[in-house]
Protein backbone atom coordinates (compact mmCIF):
# COMPACT_ATOMS: atom_id res chain seq x y z
CA MET A 1 30.65 -5.06 17.13
CA ASP A 2 27.80 -6.70 19.03
CA ILE A 3 24.30 -5.55 19.84
CA ILE A 4 21.90 -6.93 22.46
CA LEU A 5 18.15 -6.87 21.79
CA THR A 6 15.58 -7.27 24.52
CA PRO A 7 12.23 -8.81 23.54
CA SER A 8 9.74 -6.03 22.79
CA PRO A 9 6.95 -6.37 20.18
CA LEU A 10 6.92 -3.74 17.44
CA PHE A 11 4.01 -1.32 17.14
CA GLY A 12 3.52 1.93 15.24
CA ALA A 13 4.39 3.55 11.92
CA VAL A 14 7.62 4.20 10.06
CA ASP A 15 8.56 5.48 6.61
CA ALA A 16 10.13 3.10 4.10
CA ILE A 17 13.61 4.00 2.93
CA GLY A 18 14.44 4.51 -0.75
CA SER A 19 14.86 1.33 -2.77
CA LYS A 20 18.51 0.39 -3.21
CA SER A 21 17.57 -1.57 -6.34
CA ASP A 22 15.86 1.44 -7.89
CA ILE A 23 18.59 3.87 -6.82
CA HIS A 24 21.37 1.84 -8.47
CA ARG A 25 19.49 1.87 -11.77
CA LEU A 26 18.56 5.55 -11.63
CA LEU A 27 22.12 6.66 -10.85
CA ILE A 28 23.66 4.59 -13.66
CA CYS A 29 21.09 5.66 -16.25
CA ALA A 30 21.53 9.29 -15.21
CA ALA A 31 25.30 8.95 -15.70
CA MET A 32 24.68 7.80 -19.30
CA ALA A 33 22.13 10.51 -20.13
CA ASP A 34 22.47 13.61 -22.28
CA SER A 35 22.11 16.15 -19.45
CA GLU A 36 21.87 16.36 -15.68
CA THR A 37 19.21 14.47 -13.71
CA GLU A 38 18.01 15.20 -10.18
CA ILE A 39 17.03 12.10 -8.21
CA ASP A 40 15.05 12.55 -5.00
CA GLY A 41 14.28 10.07 -2.22
CA ILE A 42 17.76 8.54 -2.15
CA PHE A 43 18.78 6.54 0.90
CA PHE A 44 22.56 6.47 1.19
CA SER A 45 23.92 3.05 2.16
CA ASP A 46 27.33 1.47 1.56
CA ASP A 47 26.08 -0.18 -1.64
CA VAL A 48 24.69 3.10 -2.99
CA PHE A 49 27.97 4.86 -2.21
CA ALA A 50 29.75 2.10 -4.17
CA THR A 51 27.68 2.88 -7.26
CA LEU A 52 28.19 6.62 -6.78
CA SER A 53 31.94 6.04 -6.55
CA CYS A 54 31.94 4.00 -9.76
CA ILE A 55 29.94 6.43 -11.90
CA ASN A 56 32.16 9.28 -10.66
CA ALA A 57 35.25 7.23 -11.57
CA LEU A 58 33.77 6.77 -15.05
CA GLY A 59 33.56 10.54 -15.47
CA ALA A 60 30.15 11.54 -14.08
CA ARG A 61 29.84 14.23 -11.42
CA THR A 62 27.38 13.92 -8.54
CA VAL A 63 26.17 16.56 -6.09
CA ILE A 64 24.38 15.37 -2.95
CA ASN A 65 21.91 17.59 -1.11
CA GLY A 66 20.15 15.78 1.73
CA THR A 67 18.19 12.90 0.18
CA SER A 68 18.62 14.29 -3.32
CA CYS A 69 21.45 13.71 -5.79
CA THR A 70 22.03 15.58 -9.03
CA VAL A 71 23.97 13.53 -11.58
CA TYR A 72 25.92 15.34 -14.29
CA PRO A 73 26.53 12.72 -17.00
CA ILE A 74 29.73 11.19 -18.31
CA GLU A 75 31.18 13.30 -21.10
CA LYS A 76 34.62 11.75 -21.62
CA PRO A 77 35.53 8.64 -19.62
CA PRO A 78 39.05 8.46 -18.17
CA VAL A 79 41.60 6.39 -20.09
CA SER A 80 41.69 3.53 -17.55
CA PRO A 81 39.36 4.13 -14.59
CA LYS A 82 39.74 2.20 -11.34
CA LEU A 83 36.31 1.05 -10.14
CA ASP A 84 35.88 -0.06 -6.52
CA CYS A 85 32.56 -1.92 -6.12
CA GLY A 86 32.93 -2.36 -2.35
CA GLU A 87 30.80 -5.33 -1.34
CA SER A 88 27.98 -4.52 -3.76
CA GLY A 89 27.10 -7.31 -6.19
CA SER A 90 24.60 -5.03 -7.93
CA THR A 91 27.25 -2.39 -8.52
CA LEU A 92 29.68 -4.89 -10.03
CA ARG A 93 27.17 -6.63 -12.26
CA PHE A 94 25.65 -3.37 -13.52
CA ILE A 95 28.83 -1.32 -13.93
CA LEU A 96 30.96 -4.07 -15.50
CA PRO A 97 29.07 -4.13 -18.83
CA VAL A 98 28.49 -0.35 -18.72
CA ALA A 99 32.24 0.23 -18.40
CA GLY A 100 32.75 -2.27 -21.23
CA ALA A 101 30.46 -0.16 -23.42
CA ILE A 102 32.11 3.22 -22.82
CA CYS A 103 35.76 2.54 -21.87
CA GLU A 104 38.70 0.98 -23.73
CA ASN A 105 40.16 -0.22 -20.42
CA ALA A 106 39.02 -0.41 -16.80
CA GLU A 107 40.09 -2.03 -13.54
CA PHE A 108 37.65 -3.50 -10.99
CA THR A 109 38.15 -4.29 -7.30
CA GLY A 110 35.86 -5.27 -4.43
CA ARG A 111 35.85 -6.48 -0.84
CA GLY A 112 34.23 -8.96 1.50
CA ARG A 113 32.68 -11.95 -0.26
CA LEU A 114 32.31 -10.08 -3.57
CA PRO A 115 35.58 -11.44 -5.08
CA GLU A 116 34.23 -14.97 -4.45
CA ARG A 117 30.87 -14.39 -6.08
CA PRO A 118 30.76 -15.80 -9.62
CA ILE A 119 30.32 -13.66 -12.73
CA GLY A 120 31.41 -16.25 -15.28
CA GLU A 121 28.27 -16.14 -17.45
CA LEU A 122 28.43 -12.35 -17.69
CA VAL A 123 32.15 -12.48 -18.50
CA GLY A 124 31.45 -15.04 -21.23
CA ALA A 125 28.73 -12.90 -22.79
CA MET A 126 30.91 -9.80 -22.75
CA ARG A 127 33.85 -11.69 -24.25
CA SER A 128 31.60 -12.70 -27.15
CA GLY A 129 30.95 -8.97 -27.67
CA GLY A 130 34.60 -7.93 -27.88
CA VAL A 131 35.70 -7.35 -24.26
CA ASP A 132 38.80 -9.12 -22.90
CA PHE A 133 39.12 -10.06 -19.21
CA SER A 134 42.21 -10.67 -17.11
CA SER A 135 40.18 -12.89 -14.75
CA GLU A 136 36.66 -14.15 -14.14
CA LYS A 137 36.75 -12.95 -10.52
CA LEU A 138 37.81 -9.76 -8.77
CA PRO A 139 40.24 -8.10 -8.96
CA LEU A 140 40.17 -7.93 -12.76
CA LYS A 141 40.92 -5.72 -15.73
CA ILE A 142 38.93 -5.35 -18.94
CA SER A 143 40.03 -4.10 -22.36
CA GLY A 144 38.27 -3.61 -25.66
CA LYS A 145 34.76 -2.24 -26.11
CA LEU A 146 31.38 -3.94 -26.20
CA THR A 147 29.87 -4.07 -29.69
CA PRO A 148 26.25 -4.41 -30.87
CA GLY A 149 25.20 -8.00 -31.40
CA THR A 150 23.41 -11.00 -29.94
CA TYR A 151 24.18 -11.95 -26.34
CA LYS A 152 23.11 -15.24 -24.80
CA LEU A 153 22.67 -15.63 -21.05
CA PRO A 154 20.96 -18.09 -18.70
CA GLY A 155 17.91 -16.55 -17.07
CA ASN A 156 18.20 -18.48 -13.82
CA VAL A 157 21.64 -17.39 -12.53
CA SER A 158 21.39 -13.63 -11.93
CA SER A 159 18.90 -11.14 -13.28
CA GLN A 160 21.58 -8.50 -12.64
CA TYR A 161 23.64 -9.83 -15.58
CA ILE A 162 20.70 -9.14 -17.86
CA SER A 163 20.02 -5.73 -16.31
CA GLY A 164 23.65 -4.68 -16.64
CA LEU A 165 23.79 -5.69 -20.30
CA LEU A 166 20.51 -3.91 -21.04
CA MET A 167 21.91 -0.66 -19.62
CA ALA A 168 25.20 -1.08 -21.47
CA LEU A 169 23.64 -1.87 -24.85
CA CYS A 170 21.53 1.28 -24.64
CA ALA A 171 24.84 3.21 -24.55
CA ILE A 172 26.01 1.70 -27.87
CA ASP A 173 24.84 2.81 -31.31
CA GLY A 174 23.16 -0.11 -33.04
CA ARG A 175 20.72 -2.97 -32.65
CA SER A 176 21.39 -5.76 -30.14
CA GLU A 177 19.57 -8.73 -28.68
CA ILE A 178 19.77 -10.53 -25.36
CA VAL A 179 18.54 -14.11 -25.66
CA LEU A 180 17.80 -16.04 -22.46
CA THR A 181 18.68 -19.72 -22.65
CA SER A 182 16.75 -20.89 -19.56
CA LYS A 183 13.77 -20.00 -17.39
CA THR A 184 13.99 -16.46 -16.05
CA GLU A 185 14.16 -15.90 -12.30
CA SER A 186 13.73 -12.53 -10.52
CA ILE A 187 11.91 -11.30 -13.63
CA GLY A 188 10.48 -8.36 -11.66
CA TYR A 189 13.94 -6.83 -11.36
CA ILE A 190 14.58 -7.15 -15.09
CA ASN A 191 11.24 -5.44 -15.69
CA MET A 192 12.33 -2.70 -13.29
CA THR A 193 15.48 -2.14 -15.36
CA VAL A 194 13.47 -1.95 -18.60
CA SER A 195 11.03 0.49 -16.98
CA THR A 196 13.87 2.72 -15.74
CA LEU A 197 15.56 2.70 -19.13
CA ASN A 198 12.25 3.62 -20.76
CA LEU A 199 12.04 6.65 -18.44
CA PHE A 200 15.35 7.69 -19.98
CA GLY A 201 14.07 7.29 -23.54
CA ALA A 202 15.47 3.84 -24.34
CA ASP A 203 14.07 1.70 -27.16
CA ILE A 204 13.67 -1.85 -25.79
CA LYS A 205 11.27 -4.60 -26.79
CA ALA A 206 10.83 -7.65 -24.57
CA GLU A 207 9.09 -10.88 -25.55
CA ASP A 208 9.48 -14.63 -25.05
CA GLY A 209 12.87 -14.57 -23.33
CA ARG A 210 14.34 -12.11 -25.82
CA PHE A 211 15.17 -8.42 -25.42
CA THR A 212 15.77 -6.24 -28.48
CA VAL A 213 17.70 -3.03 -27.83
CA ASN A 214 18.00 -0.25 -30.37
CA GLY A 215 20.93 1.59 -28.86
CA LYS A 216 21.24 5.31 -29.44
CA GLY A 217 24.56 6.00 -27.73
CA ARG A 218 22.94 8.32 -25.21
CA LEU A 219 19.93 8.13 -22.93
CA VAL A 220 17.67 11.17 -22.56
CA SER A 221 17.39 12.70 -19.10
CA PRO A 222 13.85 13.05 -17.70
CA LYS A 223 15.34 15.89 -15.59
CA LYS A 224 13.80 14.89 -12.25
CA LEU A 225 12.80 11.56 -10.70
CA ARG A 226 12.03 10.07 -7.32
CA ALA A 227 13.27 6.68 -6.11
CA ASP A 228 10.75 4.00 -5.17
CA GLY A 229 10.29 2.91 -1.55
CA ASP A 230 12.23 -0.23 -0.63
CA TRP A 231 10.06 -3.35 -0.34
CA SER A 232 13.07 -5.58 0.34
CA ASN A 233 14.05 -3.86 3.56
CA ALA A 234 10.48 -3.03 4.55
CA ALA A 235 9.88 -6.79 4.65
CA PHE A 236 11.53 -7.12 8.07
CA PHE A 237 9.17 -4.69 9.81
CA LEU A 238 6.17 -6.06 7.94
CA ALA A 239 7.19 -9.54 9.10
CA ALA A 240 7.39 -8.25 12.67
CA GLY A 241 3.81 -7.04 12.41
CA ALA A 242 2.71 -10.48 11.23
CA ILE A 243 4.42 -12.31 14.10
CA GLY A 244 2.96 -10.39 17.00
CA GLY A 245 2.81 -6.66 16.44
CA ASP A 246 0.97 -3.95 14.55
CA VAL A 247 3.18 -2.17 12.01
CA GLU A 248 2.30 0.45 9.42
CA MET A 249 4.76 1.52 6.72
CA PHE A 250 4.45 4.53 4.43
CA GLY A 251 6.12 5.20 1.08
CA LEU A 252 5.66 1.73 -0.41
CA ASN A 253 4.27 1.94 -3.94
CA LYS A 254 1.56 -0.66 -4.44
CA ASP A 255 2.27 -0.62 -8.19
CA SER A 256 6.03 -1.01 -7.82
CA LEU A 257 7.83 -3.43 -10.15
CA GLN A 258 10.00 -4.70 -7.29
CA GLY A 259 9.55 -8.43 -7.00
CA ASP A 260 9.74 -8.28 -3.21
CA LYS A 261 6.39 -6.48 -3.17
CA LYS A 262 5.10 -10.07 -3.06
CA ILE A 263 5.79 -10.01 0.69
CA THR A 264 2.22 -8.84 1.36
CA GLU A 265 0.69 -11.76 -0.52
CA ILE A 266 2.89 -14.25 1.32
CA LEU A 267 2.15 -12.75 4.75
CA ARG A 268 -1.55 -13.17 3.98
CA ARG A 269 -0.89 -16.83 3.16
CA PHE A 270 0.79 -17.20 6.54
CA GLY A 271 -2.43 -15.87 8.10
CA ALA A 272 -1.44 -12.28 8.94
CA GLU A 273 -3.88 -9.40 8.57
CA VAL A 274 -2.60 -7.17 5.75
CA ASN A 275 -4.17 -3.96 4.45
CA GLU A 276 -2.77 -1.87 1.59
CA SER A 277 -3.44 1.46 -0.05
CA ALA A 278 -1.57 3.35 -2.76
CA ASP A 279 1.54 4.02 -0.66
CA ARG A 280 0.87 2.41 2.71
CA VAL A 281 0.96 -1.13 4.12
CA HIS A 282 -0.49 -2.12 7.50
CA VAL A 283 0.28 -5.58 8.96
CA LYS A 284 -1.20 -6.99 12.16
CA LYS A 285 -0.72 -10.25 13.98
CA GLY A 286 -2.87 -13.15 12.87
CA ASN A 287 -3.08 -16.86 13.64
CA ILE A 288 -0.08 -17.65 11.50
CA HIS A 289 0.55 -21.11 10.13
CA GLY A 290 3.08 -22.78 7.87
CA CYS A 291 2.85 -22.65 4.07
CA GLU A 292 4.95 -23.22 0.95
CA VAL A 293 7.04 -20.44 -0.59
CA ASP A 294 8.80 -20.50 -3.97
CA LEU A 295 11.85 -18.23 -3.71
CA SER A 296 12.85 -18.33 -7.38
CA GLN A 297 11.49 -14.83 -8.09
CA ILE A 298 12.11 -13.37 -4.60
CA PRO A 299 15.28 -14.92 -3.11
CA ASP A 300 16.03 -11.96 -0.83
CA MET A 301 12.79 -12.56 1.07
CA LEU A 302 14.02 -15.77 2.74
CA PRO A 303 15.60 -14.27 5.91
CA ALA A 304 12.50 -12.22 6.85
CA LEU A 305 10.04 -14.95 5.93
CA ALA A 306 12.04 -17.64 7.73
CA VAL A 307 11.55 -15.70 10.96
CA VAL A 308 7.79 -15.58 10.38
CA ALA A 309 7.89 -19.31 9.70
CA ALA A 310 9.65 -19.98 13.02
CA PHE A 311 6.69 -18.43 14.88
CA ALA A 312 4.06 -20.08 12.66
CA ASP A 313 2.20 -23.28 13.52
CA GLY A 314 3.63 -26.12 11.41
CA ASP A 315 6.23 -26.48 8.68
CA THR A 316 7.04 -23.86 6.07
CA VAL A 317 8.88 -25.17 3.01
CA PHE A 318 11.03 -22.71 1.06
CA THR A 319 12.12 -23.92 -2.40
CA GLY A 320 13.82 -22.44 -5.49
CA GLY A 321 16.58 -20.77 -3.50
CA ALA A 322 19.78 -22.22 -4.99
CA ARG A 323 21.08 -18.72 -5.82
CA LEU A 324 20.99 -17.83 -2.12
CA ARG A 325 24.21 -19.76 -1.63
CA LEU A 326 25.98 -17.04 -3.65
CA LYS A 327 24.82 -13.97 -1.71
CA GLU A 328 26.72 -11.97 0.93
CA SER A 329 26.70 -15.23 2.85
CA ASP A 330 25.47 -18.70 1.93
CA ARG A 331 22.00 -17.63 2.99
CA LEU A 332 20.50 -21.09 3.10
CA ALA A 333 23.21 -22.09 5.57
CA THR A 334 23.18 -18.85 7.58
CA VAL A 335 19.37 -18.71 7.82
CA TYR A 336 19.40 -22.31 9.05
CA LYS A 337 22.05 -21.45 11.64
CA MET A 338 20.21 -18.29 12.75
CA ILE A 339 16.98 -20.22 13.35
CA THR A 340 18.67 -23.07 15.22
CA ASP A 341 20.95 -20.76 17.25
CA LEU A 342 17.81 -19.00 18.50
CA GLY A 343 16.30 -22.31 19.64
CA GLY A 344 14.20 -23.13 16.58
CA SER A 345 14.21 -26.12 14.27
CA ALA A 346 14.89 -26.26 10.53
CA THR A 347 16.11 -28.60 7.80
CA GLU A 348 18.45 -27.32 5.08
CA PHE A 349 18.47 -28.89 1.60
CA GLU A 350 20.15 -28.17 -1.72
CA ASP A 351 17.95 -25.32 -2.95
CA GLY A 352 15.87 -24.44 0.08
CA ILE A 353 15.04 -24.88 3.72
CA THR A 354 12.13 -26.14 5.80
CA VAL A 355 11.42 -24.24 9.00
CA HIS A 356 9.61 -26.31 11.61
CA GLY A 357 7.59 -23.61 13.32
CA THR A 358 5.66 -23.75 16.57
CA ALA A 359 3.41 -21.34 18.40
CA GLU A 360 6.14 -21.19 21.06
CA GLY A 361 8.39 -19.42 18.58
CA LEU A 362 12.08 -18.87 19.34
CA ARG A 363 13.93 -18.83 22.63
CA GLY A 364 16.78 -16.35 22.03
CA GLY A 365 20.55 -16.59 22.20
CA LYS A 366 23.54 -15.48 20.14
CA VAL A 367 23.62 -15.08 16.36
CA ASP A 368 26.57 -14.48 14.05
CA GLY A 369 25.58 -11.78 11.54
CA ALA A 370 27.82 -13.50 8.95
CA ASN A 371 28.68 -10.08 7.47
CA ASP A 372 25.24 -10.22 5.85
CA HIS A 373 22.85 -7.31 6.27
CA ARG A 374 19.75 -9.45 5.80
CA ILE A 375 20.81 -12.02 8.41
CA VAL A 376 21.35 -9.22 10.93
CA MET A 377 17.95 -7.65 10.22
CA ALA A 378 16.21 -11.04 10.34
CA ALA A 379 17.79 -11.89 13.71
CA ALA A 380 16.74 -8.48 15.06
CA THR A 381 13.18 -9.06 13.85
CA ALA A 382 13.12 -12.42 15.62
CA ALA A 383 14.57 -10.86 18.79
CA ALA A 384 11.51 -8.65 19.23
CA TYR A 385 9.45 -11.80 19.92
CA CYS A 386 11.96 -14.19 21.52
CA LYS A 387 11.59 -15.24 25.16
CA GLU A 388 15.13 -14.18 26.05
CA GLU A 389 17.66 -11.59 24.91
CA VAL A 390 19.36 -11.93 21.53
CA THR A 391 22.97 -10.93 20.88
CA ILE A 392 23.94 -10.29 17.26
CA ARG A 393 27.63 -10.29 16.40
CA GLY A 394 28.70 -7.95 13.60
CA PHE A 395 25.46 -5.97 13.52
CA GLN A 396 27.14 -3.17 11.53
CA ALA A 397 26.58 -5.26 8.38
CA VAL A 398 23.25 -3.40 8.11
CA ASN A 399 25.24 -0.44 6.74
CA LYS A 400 25.33 -2.26 3.40
CA SER A 401 21.68 -1.43 2.71
CA TYR A 402 19.95 0.08 5.79
CA PRO A 403 22.29 2.00 8.15
CA THR A 404 19.36 3.40 10.16
CA PHE A 405 17.61 0.03 10.63
CA PHE A 406 18.05 -0.07 14.40
CA GLU A 407 16.97 3.57 14.75
CA ASP A 408 13.74 2.79 12.90
CA MET A 409 13.29 -0.36 14.97
CA LYS A 410 13.50 1.71 18.14
CA LYS A 411 10.83 4.08 16.76
CA LEU A 412 8.54 1.03 16.70
CA GLY A 413 9.36 0.10 20.29
CA GLY A 414 12.36 -2.15 19.74
CA LYS A 415 15.02 -2.32 22.43
CA ALA A 416 18.62 -2.53 21.24
CA ASP A 417 21.91 -1.67 22.97
CA VAL A 418 25.38 -1.73 21.43
CA ILE A 419 28.00 -3.48 23.57
């Protein structure tokens, strides 16, 4: 399906949706707890439904009431559950080790680009802990159970491997260690996992690239929690404010552990006017100019920030983004194509991209959404400030993380029509 956007700067206020990253972790921890947990502030996207489906398949029971979900924990896992991860990389990388910790056998499937996305390092670590795999890519079957021990993983491939193992090892009786063999990237999201597990009574110590887990077999339910606001998806509207609007977002925790909270600091470096309070961020247009951005800790920020860069005066150099080639699309390639298809200029290189911005910004045109939610949202953000209409093919990819994105965009004055 296609959508046409007419240039219209964004102004006004909108509430942030619940953080997909936080929701995944809360749901999985609640499924491994000793009693039911009520989680408020949930935003239901395709990826969240994938995690819900998997924890239910593992034996949990979930009851949804509006934006709240009560999770009744796993008591006795099925003999050989079938776990459909949809297109959610987070779901696969979190649930795979968790299933290995609590099931003798399990079968995993997925769709879209997920079967192509590598999980070899995680498979290798789990094999060392007693789990056999039929394949290193989806679809696959696992057998055997994860045992306490020492697990070695690179820190610069996917923080989700580390997060998944941390959750799984908390569900096993005994002491375990995760040792990182290289520099850690996306450390904020590992810290988020540790923080969530601590809310559920876990015993984890982290220091110098090493995590020590004293597994107790069961987590302890805190009874009621609320999901964090989503900085990753808020980034698109905040970027719109920086380019040429005036956008205020509520429900964003200034003290959040989400790495993508760094968006405010980077927008200031671009020259935008940014004001923050405890749960509110206000971004206004400034005289924006190019800068340098290291993506190693915040890879998901590239699509939104690349749009800001296209409207900035001078070059913006994005580095440290090698992992972006393994996302829902090859995001270095698809961001480059989005910018150039809209009349901008960019140079793609092995682990990054340089956007050659000008005050003239982008012209407009047609963009392929590449079945990637963040490419669609980035193109829509750019469209608000292009000189001509923008057509986005496959706009429904936003359902992966933010099904109501275009509704919220219209609340801010955006103009979008499905064709």
